[in-house]
Amino acid sequence: MGEEGRVEHVFGYCELNLHGMFSRVIGFARNAARNTLTNLVYNVCRYEQIVRLGMN
């Protein structure tokens, strides 16, 4: 699997489990905060998955 698959997996996970990357907030700071929190939640979920499967 190439780099494209790794990137697409992230967006697919966000779309299906975190209710998408579409944001209806007004302002750059709020959008930045929402994206940062979404990425943080993805990273925590991915870390838990790696630890649970023993892939580290």
PDB file of N, CA and C in Angstrom:
ATOM      1  N   MET A   1       0.857  -1.171   0.000  1.00  0.00           N
ATOM      2  CA  MET A   1       0.000   0.000   0.000  1.00  0.00           C
ATOM      3  C   MET A   1       0.895   1.224   0.000  1.00  0.00           C
ATOM      4  N   GLY A   2       0.640   2.130  -0.924  1.00  0.00           N
ATOM      5  CA  GLY A   2       1.448   3.329  -1.043  1.00  0.00           C
ATOM      6  C   GLY A   2       1.006   4.423  -0.097  1.00  0.00           C
ATOM      7  N   GLU A   3       1.631   5.559  -0.254  1.00  0.00           N
ATOM      8  CA  GLU A   3       1.312   6.703   0.595  1.00  0.00           C
ATOM      9  C   GLU A   3      -0.128   7.176   0.395  1.00  0.00           C
ATOM     10  N   GLU A   4      -0.682   7.011  -0.819  1.00  0.00           N
ATOM     11  CA  GLU A   4      -2.048   7.459  -1.069  1.00  0.00           C
ATOM     12  C   GLU A   4      -3.026   6.724  -0.167  1.00  0.00           C
ATOM     13  N   GLY A   5      -2.818   5.441   0.015  1.00  0.00           N
ATOM     14  CA  GLY A   5      -3.706   4.651   0.859  1.00  0.00           C
ATOM     15  C   GLY A   5      -3.664   5.085   2.307  1.00  0.00           C
ATOM     16  N   ARG A   6      -2.517   5.473   2.784  1.00  0.00           N
ATOM     17  CA  ARG A   6      -2.392   5.926   4.172  1.00  0.00           C
ATOM     18  C   ARG A   6      -3.149   7.232   4.387  1.00  0.00           C
ATOM     19  N   VAL A   7      -3.053   8.130   3.438  1.00  0.00           N
ATOM     20  CA  VAL A   7      -3.743   9.411   3.556  1.00  0.00           C
ATOM     21  C   VAL A   7      -5.243   9.211   3.418  1.00  0.00           C
ATOM     22  N   GLU A   8      -5.685   8.422   2.453  1.00  0.00           N
ATOM     23  CA  GLU A   8      -7.106   8.190   2.240  1.00  0.00           C
ATOM     24  C   GLU A   8      -7.731   7.512   3.446  1.00  0.00           C
ATOM     25  N   HIS A   9      -6.994   6.666   4.142  1.00  0.00           N
ATOM     26  CA  HIS A   9      -7.515   6.000   5.339  1.00  0.00           C
ATOM     27  C   HIS A   9      -7.886   7.021   6.405  1.00  0.00           C
ATOM     28  N   VAL A  10      -7.064   8.029   6.572  1.00  0.00           N
ATOM     29  CA  VAL A  10      -7.319   9.064   7.580  1.00  0.00           C
ATOM     30  C   VAL A  10      -8.615   9.797   7.258  1.00  0.00           C
ATOM     31  N   PHE A  11      -8.784  10.236   6.011  1.00  0.00           N
ATOM     32  CA  PHE A  11      -9.992  10.959   5.639  1.00  0.00           C
ATOM     33  C   PHE A  11     -11.214  10.056   5.693  1.00  0.00           C
ATOM     34  N   GLY A  12     -11.067   8.813   5.306  1.00  0.00           N
ATOM     35  CA  GLY A  12     -12.178   7.870   5.397  1.00  0.00           C
ATOM     36  C   GLY A  12     -12.620   7.660   6.830  1.00  0.00           C
ATOM     37  N   TYR A  13     -11.677   7.518   7.737  1.00  0.00           N
ATOM     38  CA  TYR A  13     -12.008   7.350   9.151  1.00  0.00           C
ATOM     39  C   TYR A  13     -12.728   8.588   9.687  1.00  0.00           C
ATOM     40  N   CYS A  14     -12.223   9.760   9.324  1.00  0.00           N
ATOM     41  CA  CYS A  14     -12.851  10.998   9.799  1.00  0.00           C
ATOM     42  C   CYS A  14     -14.257  11.136   9.244  1.00  0.00           C
ATOM     43  N   GLU A  15     -14.467  10.773   7.985  1.00  0.00           N
ATOM     44  CA  GLU A  15     -15.796  10.879   7.385  1.00  0.00           C
ATOM     45  C   GLU A  15     -16.784   9.935   8.054  1.00  0.00           C
ATOM     46  N   LEU A  16     -16.382   8.691   8.263  1.00  0.00           N
ATOM     47  CA  LEU A  16     -17.317   7.690   8.776  1.00  0.00           C
ATOM     48  C   LEU A  16     -17.520   7.766  10.280  1.00  0.00           C
ATOM     49  N   ASN A  17     -16.473   7.976  11.037  1.00  0.00           N
ATOM     50  CA  ASN A  17     -16.556   7.877  12.494  1.00  0.00           C
ATOM     51  C   ASN A  17     -16.608   9.211  13.215  1.00  0.00           C
ATOM     52  N   LEU A  18     -16.057  10.237  12.634  1.00  0.00           N
ATOM     53  CA  LEU A  18     -16.031  11.542  13.296  1.00  0.00           C
ATOM     54  C   LEU A  18     -16.958  12.536  12.609  1.00  0.00           C
ATOM     55  N   HIS A  19     -17.864  12.047  11.808  1.00  0.00           N
ATOM     56  CA  HIS A  19     -18.892  12.843  11.131  1.00  0.00           C
ATOM     57  C   HIS A  19     -18.312  13.875  10.180  1.00  0.00           C
ATOM     58  N   GLY A  20     -17.263  13.484   9.503  1.00  0.00           N
ATOM     59  CA  GLY A  20     -16.745  14.267   8.396  1.00  0.00           C
ATOM     60  C   GLY A  20     -15.835  15.408   8.752  1.00  0.00           C
ATOM     61  N   MET A  21     -15.265  15.949   7.719  1.00  0.00           N
ATOM     62  CA  MET A  21     -14.372  17.090   7.861  1.00  0.00           C
ATOM     63  C   MET A  21     -15.078  18.388   7.489  1.00  0.00           C
ATOM     64  N   PHE A  22     -16.363  18.303   7.155  1.00  0.00           N
ATOM     65  CA  PHE A  22     -17.129  19.498   6.808  1.00  0.00           C
ATOM     66  C   PHE A  22     -17.397  20.307   8.066  1.00  0.00           C
ATOM     67  N   SER A  23     -17.087  21.583   8.013  1.00  0.00           N
ATOM     68  CA  SER A  23     -17.207  22.424   9.193  1.00  0.00           C
ATOM     69  C   SER A  23     -18.116  23.603   8.896  1.00  0.00           C
ATOM     70  N   ARG A  24     -19.047  23.891   9.815  1.00  0.00           N
ATOM     71  CA  ARG A  24     -19.964  25.014   9.635  1.00  0.00           C
ATOM     72  C   ARG A  24     -19.686  26.116  10.644  1.00  0.00           C
ATOM     73  N   VAL A  25     -18.482  26.207  11.133  1.00  0.00           N
ATOM     74  CA  VAL A  25     -18.151  27.269  12.079  1.00  0.00           C
ATOM     75  C   VAL A  25     -17.633  28.485  11.321  1.00  0.00           C
ATOM     76  N   ILE A  26     -17.779  29.645  11.933  1.00  0.00           N
ATOM     77  CA  ILE A  26     -17.349  30.895  11.311  1.00  0.00           C
ATOM     78  C   ILE A  26     -16.040  31.328  11.967  1.00  0.00           C
ATOM     79  N   GLY A  27     -15.077  31.653  11.139  1.00  0.00           N
ATOM     80  CA  GLY A  27     -13.818  32.176  11.638  1.00  0.00           C
ATOM     81  C   GLY A  27     -12.675  31.192  11.499  1.00  0.00           C
ATOM     82  N   PHE A  28     -11.527  31.750  11.223  1.00  0.00           N
ATOM     83  CA  PHE A  28     -10.328  30.944  11.027  1.00  0.00           C
ATOM     84  C   PHE A  28      -9.927  30.211  12.300  1.00  0.00           C
ATOM     85  N   ALA A  29      -9.983  30.896  13.438  1.00  0.00           N
ATOM     86  CA  ALA A  29      -9.554  30.291  14.707  1.00  0.00           C
ATOM     87  C   ALA A  29     -10.443  29.114  15.084  1.00  0.00           C
ATOM     88  N   ARG A  30     -11.744  29.240  14.898  1.00  0.00           N
ATOM     89  CA  ARG A  30     -12.651  28.137  15.217  1.00  0.00           C
ATOM     90  C   ARG A  30     -12.447  26.958  14.286  1.00  0.00           C
ATOM     91  N   ASN A  31     -12.227  27.227  12.997  1.00  0.00           N
ATOM     92  CA  ASN A  31     -11.946  26.145  12.064  1.00  0.00           C
ATOM     93  C   ASN A  31     -10.647  25.438  12.424  1.00  0.00           C
ATOM     94  N   ALA A  32      -9.631  26.205  12.763  1.00  0.00           N
ATOM     95  CA  ALA A  32      -8.349  25.624  13.141  1.00  0.00           C
ATOM     96  C   ALA A  32      -8.490  24.774  14.396  1.00  0.00           C
ATOM     97  N   ALA A  33      -9.259  25.265  15.372  1.00  0.00           N
ATOM     98  CA  ALA A  33      -9.463  24.505  16.607  1.00  0.00           C
ATOM     99  C   ALA A  33     -10.229  23.223  16.333  1.00  0.00           C
ATOM    100  N   ARG A  34     -11.254  23.278  15.499  1.00  0.00           N
ATOM    101  CA  ARG A  34     -12.041  22.084  15.185  1.00  0.00           C
ATOM    102  C   ARG A  34     -11.183  21.046  14.463  1.00  0.00           C
ATOM    103  N   ASN A  35     -10.392  21.488  13.497  1.00  0.00           N
ATOM    104  CA  ASN A  35      -9.520  20.560  12.778  1.00  0.00           C
ATOM    105  C   ASN A  35      -8.473  19.956  13.699  1.00  0.00           C
ATOM    106  N   THR A  36      -7.920  20.755  14.590  1.00  0.00           N
ATOM    107  CA  THR A  36      -6.921  20.263  15.531  1.00  0.00           C
ATOM    108  C   THR A  36      -7.519  19.206  16.454  1.00  0.00           C
ATOM    109  N   LEU A  37      -8.708  19.457  16.982  1.00  0.00           N
ATOM    110  CA  LEU A  37      -9.353  18.491  17.863  1.00  0.00           C
ATOM    111  C   LEU A  37      -9.739  17.220  17.121  1.00  0.00           C
ATOM    112  N   THR A  38     -10.199  17.355  15.870  1.00  0.00           N
ATOM    113  CA  THR A  38     -10.525  16.178  15.069  1.00  0.00           C
ATOM    114  C   THR A  38      -9.282  15.322  14.844  1.00  0.00           C
ATOM    115  N   ASN A  39      -8.163  15.961  14.528  1.00  0.00           N
ATOM    116  CA  ASN A  39      -6.908  15.234  14.328  1.00  0.00           C
ATOM    117  C   ASN A  39      -6.434  14.581  15.618  1.00  0.00           C
ATOM    118  N   LEU A  40      -6.606  15.262  16.739  1.00  0.00           N
ATOM    119  CA  LEU A  40      -6.226  14.701  18.035  1.00  0.00           C
ATOM    120  C   LEU A  40      -7.038  13.450  18.342  1.00  0.00           C
ATOM    121  N   VAL A  41      -8.343  13.506  18.115  1.00  0.00           N
ATOM    122  CA  VAL A  41      -9.201  12.341  18.362  1.00  0.00           C
ATOM    123  C   VAL A  41      -8.802  11.187  17.450  1.00  0.00           C
ATOM    124  N   TYR A  42      -8.509  11.467  16.185  1.00  0.00           N
ATOM    125  CA  TYR A  42      -8.062  10.413  15.275  1.00  0.00           C
ATOM    126  C   TYR A  42      -6.770   9.774  15.783  1.00  0.00           C
ATOM    127  N   ASN A  43      -5.818  10.595  16.211  1.00  0.00           N
ATOM    128  CA  ASN A  43      -4.536  10.066  16.681  1.00  0.00           C
ATOM    129  C   ASN A  43      -4.699   9.216  17.938  1.00  0.00           C
ATOM    130  N   VAL A  44      -5.578   9.616  18.849  1.00  0.00           N
ATOM    131  CA  VAL A  44      -5.825   8.823  20.060  1.00  0.00           C
ATOM    132  C   VAL A  44      -6.462   7.488  19.695  1.00  0.00           C
ATOM    133  N   CYS A  45      -7.435   7.510  18.785  1.00  0.00           N
ATOM    134  CA  CYS A  45      -8.077   6.265  18.346  1.00  0.00           C
ATOM    135  C   CYS A  45      -7.085   5.352  17.641  1.00  0.00           C
ATOM    136  N   ARG A  46      -6.239   5.911  16.815  1.00  0.00           N
ATOM    137  CA  ARG A  46      -5.245   5.115  16.086  1.00  0.00           C
ATOM    138  C   ARG A  46      -4.211   4.531  17.060  1.00  0.00           C
ATOM    139  N   TYR A  47      -3.790   5.310  18.047  1.00  0.00           N
ATOM    140  CA  TYR A  47      -2.845   4.826  19.050  1.00  0.00           C
ATOM    141  C   TYR A  47      -3.434   3.645  19.811  1.00  0.00           C
ATOM    142  N   GLU A  48      -4.701   3.774  20.204  1.00  0.00           N
ATOM    143  CA  GLU A  48      -5.369   2.685  20.921  1.00  0.00           C
ATOM    144  C   GLU A  48      -5.425   1.439  20.058  1.00  0.00           C
ATOM    145  N   GLN A  49      -5.690   1.598  18.778  1.00  0.00           N
ATOM    146  CA  GLN A  49      -5.758   0.462  17.862  1.00  0.00           C
ATOM    147  C   GLN A  49      -4.379  -0.204  17.719  1.00  0.00           C
ATOM    148  N   ILE A  50      -3.342   0.574  17.615  1.00  0.00           N
ATOM    149  CA  ILE A  50      -1.988   0.022  17.474  1.00  0.00           C
ATOM    150  C   ILE A  50      -1.595  -0.734  18.728  1.00  0.00           C
ATOM    151  N   VAL A  51      -1.882  -0.175  19.906  1.00  0.00           N
ATOM    152  CA  VAL A  51      -1.553  -0.844  21.168  1.00  0.00           C
ATOM    153  C   VAL A  51      -2.366  -2.127  21.318  1.00  0.00           C
ATOM    154  N   ARG A  52      -3.656  -2.056  21.008  1.00  0.00           N
ATOM    155  CA  ARG A  52      -4.538  -3.222  21.165  1.00  0.00           C
ATOM    156  C   ARG A  52      -4.106  -4.377  20.263  1.00  0.00           C
ATOM    157  N   LEU A  53      -3.684  -4.071  19.044  1.00  0.00           N
ATOM    158  CA  LEU A  53      -3.280  -5.100  18.090  1.00  0.00           C
ATOM    159  C   LEU A  53      -1.821  -5.519  18.267  1.00  0.00           C
ATOM    160  N   GLY A  54      -1.097  -4.841  19.122  1.00  0.00           N
ATOM    161  CA  GLY A  54       0.306  -5.177  19.380  1.00  0.00           C
ATOM    162  C   GLY A  54       1.208  -4.884  18.204  1.00  0.00           C
ATOM    163  N   MET A  55       0.939  -3.807  17.490  1.00  0.00           N
ATOM    164  CA  MET A  55       1.715  -3.467  16.300  1.00  0.00           C
ATOM    165  C   MET A  55       2.910  -2.578  16.603  1.00  0.00           C
ATOM    166  N   ASN A  56       3.133  -2.225  17.869  1.00  0.00           N
ATOM    167  CA  ASN A  56       4.212  -1.274  18.181  1.00  0.00           C
ATOM    168  C   ASN A  56       5.515  -1.945  18.208  1.00  0.00           C
TER     169      ASN A  56
END
